[in-house]
């Protein structure tokens, strides 16, 4: 029996650092790439990057140690190709490039600090063909991260626009979201509503999946949806409690109990301006898009993977 090919995607975010490993299935399989392993560690690089302007020694050491562990895991799973992408926190940190170089020298993992636009495109490319939804409709893909929110406008399966805003959960908790950025965000959403009329919102990121579980605790499917009225209800309930109380009452992890509030506020803001009834929640994220980009590059594919 032929050994399966494995790919890995590393997402170095402002809140957590994820390693996703997928295997390439036979052509007869329903799913071309299937998940083998997912590891998530909440280092919270954004706490340093947004408050101090650089990644401190403690978090730098943690990231280097984690990359070493991820490298070991990739070797155990015989990963044939990987791609590691760093986003908002590393973009903002004065020593981001310095840390990337240190990791490459000490660990042997090469990290790309990608732009907000490329981040948005990577997120959307896997969602576009991963969601079993009406491909003829107009969709606004919203990914709320720790340091930024990525918006992708898709119509008839084609990516029309990508935009990144420095509005994220860790940045908000750190008090580092500029009001001018919020104004630009709201203005951009209003322009989309005016230009395209009825737009469906698709959300991604760990927080929207938790909000879905709290607001629509139905059986998980490939695509779920959360009514905005339910999202508002969940938010109204969550804000009554402290982070510690949320951990107990709603079974949230410590690194989720605080960021879920600003995440909900961002999604609610999008819903109010776009005027949609629900948010579609696929089970996809940046690490999925990273792996798809590896596969497409290796096979010179320019269209989405079916």
Protein backbone atom coordinates (compact mmCIF):
# COMPACT_ATOMS: atom_id res chain seq x y z
CA UNK A 1 0.00 0.00 0.00
CA UNK A 2 1.36 3.37 -1.02
CA UNK A 3 2.08 5.79 1.84
CA UNK A 4 -0.10 8.88 1.81
CA UNK A 5 1.43 12.29 1.21
CA UNK A 6 1.13 14.72 4.13
CA UNK A 7 1.11 18.52 4.06
CA UNK A 8 1.33 20.91 7.00
CA UNK A 9 0.20 24.50 7.53
CA UNK A 10 1.41 26.63 10.44
CA UNK A 11 -0.65 29.71 11.33
CA UNK A 12 1.23 32.06 13.67
CA UNK A 13 -1.57 34.32 14.84
CA UNK A 14 -1.89 37.10 17.39
CA UNK A 15 -3.73 34.86 19.86
CA UNK A 16 -2.70 31.29 19.07
CA UNK A 17 -0.25 29.34 16.92
CA UNK A 18 -1.74 26.40 15.02
CA UNK A 19 -0.26 23.40 13.26
CA UNK A 20 -2.58 21.58 10.86
CA UNK A 21 -1.52 18.38 9.10
CA UNK A 22 -3.56 16.93 6.24
CA UNK A 23 -3.10 13.88 4.06
CA UNK A 24 -3.68 13.64 0.33
CA UNK A 25 -6.36 11.04 -0.39
CA UNK A 26 -6.94 8.86 -3.43
CA UNK A 27 -8.77 10.38 -6.39
CA UNK A 28 -11.79 8.20 -5.57
CA UNK A 29 -12.20 9.82 -2.13
CA UNK A 30 -14.91 12.41 -1.54
CA UNK A 31 -12.41 14.70 0.18
CA UNK A 32 -9.07 15.35 -1.51
CA UNK A 33 -7.31 16.57 1.65
CA UNK A 34 -8.38 15.33 5.07
CA UNK A 35 -7.27 16.41 8.54
CA UNK A 36 -4.82 14.17 10.36
CA UNK A 37 -3.73 16.39 13.25
CA UNK A 38 -4.47 19.86 14.62
CA UNK A 39 -2.54 21.45 17.48
CA UNK A 40 -3.30 24.90 18.90
CA UNK A 41 -1.19 26.71 21.50
CA UNK A 42 -2.29 30.17 22.80
CA UNK A 43 1.00 32.08 23.02
CA UNK A 44 -0.70 35.47 22.47
CA UNK A 45 2.03 37.27 20.58
CA UNK A 46 -0.38 40.16 20.13
CA UNK A 47 -0.18 41.10 23.81
CA UNK A 48 3.45 42.09 23.24
CA UNK A 49 3.18 43.33 19.67
CA UNK A 50 0.23 45.67 20.19
CA UNK A 51 1.18 46.97 23.65
CA UNK A 52 4.98 47.18 23.38
CA UNK A 53 5.58 47.25 19.64
CA UNK A 54 7.78 44.15 19.74
CA UNK A 55 7.73 40.50 20.81
CA UNK A 56 9.39 40.17 24.23
CA UNK A 57 12.01 37.60 25.22
CA UNK A 58 9.57 35.33 27.09
CA UNK A 59 7.11 34.96 24.22
CA UNK A 60 9.96 34.73 21.70
CA UNK A 61 11.41 31.77 23.62
CA UNK A 62 7.98 30.14 23.76
CA UNK A 63 7.51 30.56 20.02
CA UNK A 64 10.94 29.10 19.25
CA UNK A 65 10.24 26.12 21.53
CA UNK A 66 6.84 25.60 19.93
CA UNK A 67 8.31 25.70 16.42
CA UNK A 68 10.81 23.07 17.52
CA UNK A 69 7.94 20.88 18.77
CA UNK A 70 5.97 21.43 15.56
CA UNK A 71 9.00 20.44 13.52
CA UNK A 72 9.22 17.18 15.48
CA UNK A 73 5.52 16.51 14.83
CA UNK A 74 5.94 17.15 11.12
CA UNK A 75 8.83 14.68 11.05
CA UNK A 76 6.74 12.06 12.91
CA UNK A 77 3.94 12.43 10.34
CA UNK A 78 6.40 12.37 7.40
CA UNK A 79 5.21 15.75 6.14
CA UNK A 80 6.47 16.20 2.59
CA UNK A 81 5.88 19.95 2.40
CA UNK A 82 4.87 22.70 4.78
CA UNK A 83 4.26 26.43 4.85
CA UNK A 84 4.40 28.66 7.94
CA UNK A 85 2.66 32.05 7.84
CA UNK A 86 2.74 34.78 10.49
CA UNK A 87 0.02 37.43 10.56
CA UNK A 88 -0.91 40.65 12.34
CA UNK A 89 1.21 40.47 15.52
CA UNK A 90 4.40 39.65 13.63
CA UNK A 91 3.54 42.28 11.00
CA UNK A 92 3.30 44.93 13.72
CA UNK A 93 6.26 43.86 15.84
CA UNK A 94 9.47 45.82 15.26
CA UNK A 95 11.46 42.62 15.75
CA UNK A 96 9.21 40.38 13.67
CA UNK A 97 11.78 39.77 10.94
CA UNK A 98 14.51 39.29 13.54
CA UNK A 99 12.44 36.58 15.26
CA UNK A 100 11.69 34.89 11.93
CA UNK A 101 15.41 34.76 11.18
CA UNK A 102 16.19 33.36 14.64
CA UNK A 103 13.64 30.57 14.19
CA UNK A 104 15.04 29.64 10.79
CA UNK A 105 18.59 29.53 12.17
CA UNK A 106 17.79 27.70 15.42
CA UNK A 107 14.96 25.41 14.32
CA UNK A 108 15.12 25.21 10.55
CA UNK A 109 11.55 26.33 9.94
CA UNK A 110 11.12 29.13 7.43
CA UNK A 111 8.33 31.58 8.30
CA UNK A 112 6.67 34.10 5.99
CA UNK A 113 5.21 37.29 7.44
CA UNK A 114 2.30 37.69 5.05
CA UNK A 115 0.35 40.85 4.27
CA UNK A 116 -3.24 41.34 5.39
CA UNK A 117 -4.39 40.98 1.80
CA UNK A 118 -2.60 37.66 1.31
CA UNK A 119 -3.98 36.45 4.63
CA UNK A 120 -7.48 37.32 3.46
CA UNK A 121 -6.96 35.50 0.15
CA UNK A 122 -5.59 32.37 1.84
CA UNK A 123 -8.57 32.27 4.18
CA UNK A 124 -11.12 32.72 1.41
CA UNK A 125 -9.64 30.32 -1.16
CA UNK A 126 -10.39 27.28 1.00
CA UNK A 127 -13.75 28.59 2.22
CA UNK A 128 -15.01 29.33 -1.29
CA UNK A 129 -14.90 25.71 -2.38
CA UNK A 130 -15.24 24.18 1.08
CA UNK A 131 -18.69 25.57 1.84
CA UNK A 132 -21.69 23.76 0.42
CA UNK A 133 -23.64 26.93 -0.31
CA UNK A 134 -25.16 28.77 -3.28
CA UNK A 135 -22.18 29.64 -5.48
CA UNK A 136 -24.22 32.23 -7.40
CA UNK A 137 -24.78 34.44 -4.38
CA UNK A 138 -22.61 37.30 -3.10
CA UNK A 139 -20.69 36.51 0.07
CA UNK A 140 -18.67 38.54 2.52
CA UNK A 141 -16.12 36.31 4.24
CA UNK A 142 -15.21 37.70 7.67
CA UNK A 143 -12.26 36.27 9.58
CA UNK A 144 -11.80 37.81 13.03
CA UNK A 145 -8.32 37.24 14.40
CA UNK A 146 -6.39 38.50 17.37
CA UNK A 147 -4.82 41.43 15.55
CA UNK A 148 -6.90 42.02 12.45
CA UNK A 149 -10.15 41.29 10.68
CA UNK A 150 -9.93 40.08 7.09
CA UNK A 151 -12.79 40.77 4.68
CA UNK A 152 -13.21 38.97 1.34
CA UNK A 153 -16.00 39.74 -1.10
CA UNK A 154 -16.90 36.80 -3.32
CA UNK A 155 -19.45 36.72 -6.14
CA UNK A 156 -20.20 33.73 -8.42
CA UNK A 157 -17.28 31.91 -6.82
CA UNK A 158 -14.82 34.69 -7.77
CA UNK A 159 -12.85 36.74 -5.25
CA UNK A 160 -13.66 40.39 -6.03
CA UNK A 161 -12.05 42.23 -3.13
CA UNK A 162 -9.81 41.53 -0.14
CA UNK A 163 -9.27 43.98 2.68
CA UNK A 164 -7.56 43.78 6.06
CA UNK A 165 -8.34 46.03 9.03
CA UNK A 166 -6.33 46.36 12.25
CA UNK A 167 -9.35 45.45 14.35
CA UNK A 168 -8.87 42.21 16.28
CA UNK A 169 -9.70 40.65 19.61
CA UNK A 170 -6.30 40.94 21.32
CA UNK A 171 -5.78 44.40 19.83
CA UNK A 172 -9.19 45.45 21.19
CA UNK A 173 -8.50 44.02 24.66
CA UNK A 174 -5.16 45.87 24.63
CA UNK A 175 -6.93 49.15 23.84
CA UNK A 176 -4.96 49.53 20.61
CA UNK A 177 -7.78 49.74 18.05
CA UNK A 178 -7.79 53.21 16.49
CA UNK A 179 -11.20 54.87 16.10
CA UNK A 180 -10.24 55.92 12.58
CA UNK A 181 -9.73 52.25 11.72
CA UNK A 182 -13.22 51.46 13.04
CA UNK A 183 -14.63 54.31 10.94
CA UNK A 184 -12.92 52.96 7.82
CA UNK A 185 -14.20 49.47 8.62
CA UNK A 186 -17.78 50.68 8.96
CA UNK A 187 -17.49 52.78 5.80
CA UNK A 188 -16.16 49.83 3.81
CA UNK A 189 -19.03 47.61 4.97
CA UNK A 190 -21.58 50.32 4.09
CA UNK A 191 -20.10 50.60 0.59
CA UNK A 192 -20.42 46.84 0.09
CA UNK A 193 -24.06 46.94 1.20
CA UNK A 194 -24.81 49.88 -1.10
CA UNK A 195 -23.03 48.37 -4.11
CA UNK A 196 -24.12 44.73 -3.85
CA UNK A 197 -27.42 44.78 -1.99
CA UNK A 198 -28.14 41.38 -0.48
CA UNK A 199 -24.91 39.91 0.84
CA UNK A 200 -24.50 36.72 2.85
CA UNK A 201 -21.92 36.75 5.64
CA UNK A 202 -19.56 33.81 6.17
CA UNK A 203 -17.55 33.81 9.39
CA UNK A 204 -14.32 32.04 10.25
CA UNK A 205 -12.01 31.85 13.23
CA UNK A 206 -12.13 30.05 16.55
CA UNK A 207 -14.46 32.55 18.21
CA UNK A 208 -17.32 32.27 15.75
CA UNK A 209 -17.24 28.50 16.11
CA UNK A 210 -17.59 28.85 19.89
CA UNK A 211 -20.37 31.40 19.45
CA UNK A 212 -22.12 28.97 17.11
CA UNK A 213 -21.90 26.22 19.73
CA UNK A 214 -23.45 28.54 22.31
CA UNK A 215 -26.07 30.08 20.03
CA UNK A 216 -27.07 27.16 17.81
CA UNK A 217 -26.17 23.95 19.65
CA UNK A 218 -27.39 21.71 16.85
CA UNK A 219 -25.57 18.74 15.43
CA UNK A 220 -22.35 19.90 13.76
CA UNK A 221 -22.36 19.78 9.97
CA UNK A 222 -20.04 20.82 7.17
CA UNK A 223 -21.69 24.23 7.17
CA UNK A 224 -23.67 25.69 10.04
CA UNK A 225 -25.43 28.99 10.40
CA UNK A 226 -26.04 31.27 13.35
CA UNK A 227 -28.92 33.74 13.32
CA UNK A 228 -27.85 37.24 14.28
CA UNK A 229 -30.68 37.39 16.81
CA UNK A 230 -29.16 34.33 18.49
CA UNK A 231 -25.68 35.85 18.32
CA UNK A 232 -27.00 38.98 20.03
CA UNK A 233 -28.62 36.83 22.70
CA UNK A 234 -25.40 34.91 23.34
CA UNK A 235 -23.43 38.16 23.55
CA UNK A 236 -25.92 39.71 25.97
CA UNK A 237 -25.54 36.65 28.20
CA UNK A 238 -21.73 36.47 27.99
CA UNK A 239 -21.13 40.12 28.94
CA UNK A 240 -22.90 39.61 32.26
CA UNK A 241 -19.96 37.63 33.57
CA UNK A 242 -16.22 37.95 34.09
CA UNK A 243 -13.78 35.88 32.04
CA UNK A 244 -13.36 33.48 34.97
CA UNK A 245 -17.12 33.06 35.31
CA UNK A 246 -17.49 32.47 31.56
CA UNK A 247 -14.94 29.67 31.77
CA UNK A 248 -17.15 27.85 34.27
CA UNK A 249 -20.64 28.68 33.02
CA UNK A 250 -19.95 28.24 29.30
CA UNK A 251 -17.03 25.77 29.44
CA UNK A 252 -14.65 28.14 27.70
CA UNK A 253 -10.87 27.81 27.76
CA UNK A 254 -8.97 30.62 29.51
CA UNK A 255 -7.64 31.97 26.19
CA UNK A 256 -11.16 32.01 24.72
CA UNK A 257 -13.16 33.44 27.61
CA UNK A 258 -11.90 37.00 27.15
CA UNK A 259 -11.48 37.32 23.37
CA UNK A 260 -14.95 35.95 22.61
CA UNK A 261 -16.51 39.28 23.68
CA UNK A 262 -14.72 41.59 21.19
CA UNK A 263 -15.11 38.90 18.51
CA UNK A 264 -18.88 38.86 19.01
CA UNK A 265 -18.95 42.66 18.89
CA UNK A 266 -17.15 42.68 15.54
CA UNK A 267 -19.52 40.11 14.02
CA UNK A 268 -22.53 41.98 15.38
CA UNK A 269 -21.24 45.21 13.83
CA UNK A 270 -20.88 43.48 10.46
CA UNK A 271 -24.41 42.09 10.72
CA UNK A 272 -25.94 45.47 11.56
CA UNK A 273 -24.34 47.23 8.60
CA UNK A 274 -24.77 44.42 6.05
CA UNK A 275 -28.34 43.78 7.31
CA UNK A 276 -28.25 39.99 7.07
CA UNK A 277 -30.27 37.55 9.15
CA UNK A 278 -27.59 34.95 9.79
CA UNK A 279 -23.91 34.17 9.59
CA UNK A 280 -22.71 31.01 7.84
CA UNK A 281 -19.98 29.17 9.76
CA UNK A 282 -17.89 26.62 7.85
CA UNK A 283 -15.23 24.62 9.69
CA UNK A 284 -12.30 26.16 7.79
CA UNK A 285 -9.54 28.63 8.60
CA UNK A 286 -6.19 30.09 7.58
CA UNK A 287 -4.26 26.85 8.13
CA UNK A 288 -6.60 25.08 5.69
CA UNK A 289 -5.94 27.78 3.10
CA UNK A 290 -2.19 27.48 3.65
CA UNK A 291 -2.29 23.75 2.90
CA UNK A 292 -4.43 24.30 -0.17
CA UNK A 293 -1.89 26.84 -1.43
CA UNK A 294 0.87 24.21 -1.08
CA UNK A 295 -1.12 21.64 -3.04
CA UNK A 296 -2.07 24.09 -5.77
CA UNK A 297 1.50 25.30 -6.19
CA UNK A 298 2.85 21.75 -6.42
CA UNK A 299 0.26 20.78 -9.00
CA UNK A 300 0.16 24.14 -10.84
CA UNK A 301 -3.56 24.50 -10.16
CA UNK A 302 -5.13 27.93 -10.66
CA UNK A 303 -8.73 26.97 -9.82
CA UNK A 304 -10.07 25.95 -6.39
CA UNK A 305 -9.73 22.33 -5.32
CA UNK A 306 -13.06 20.52 -5.60
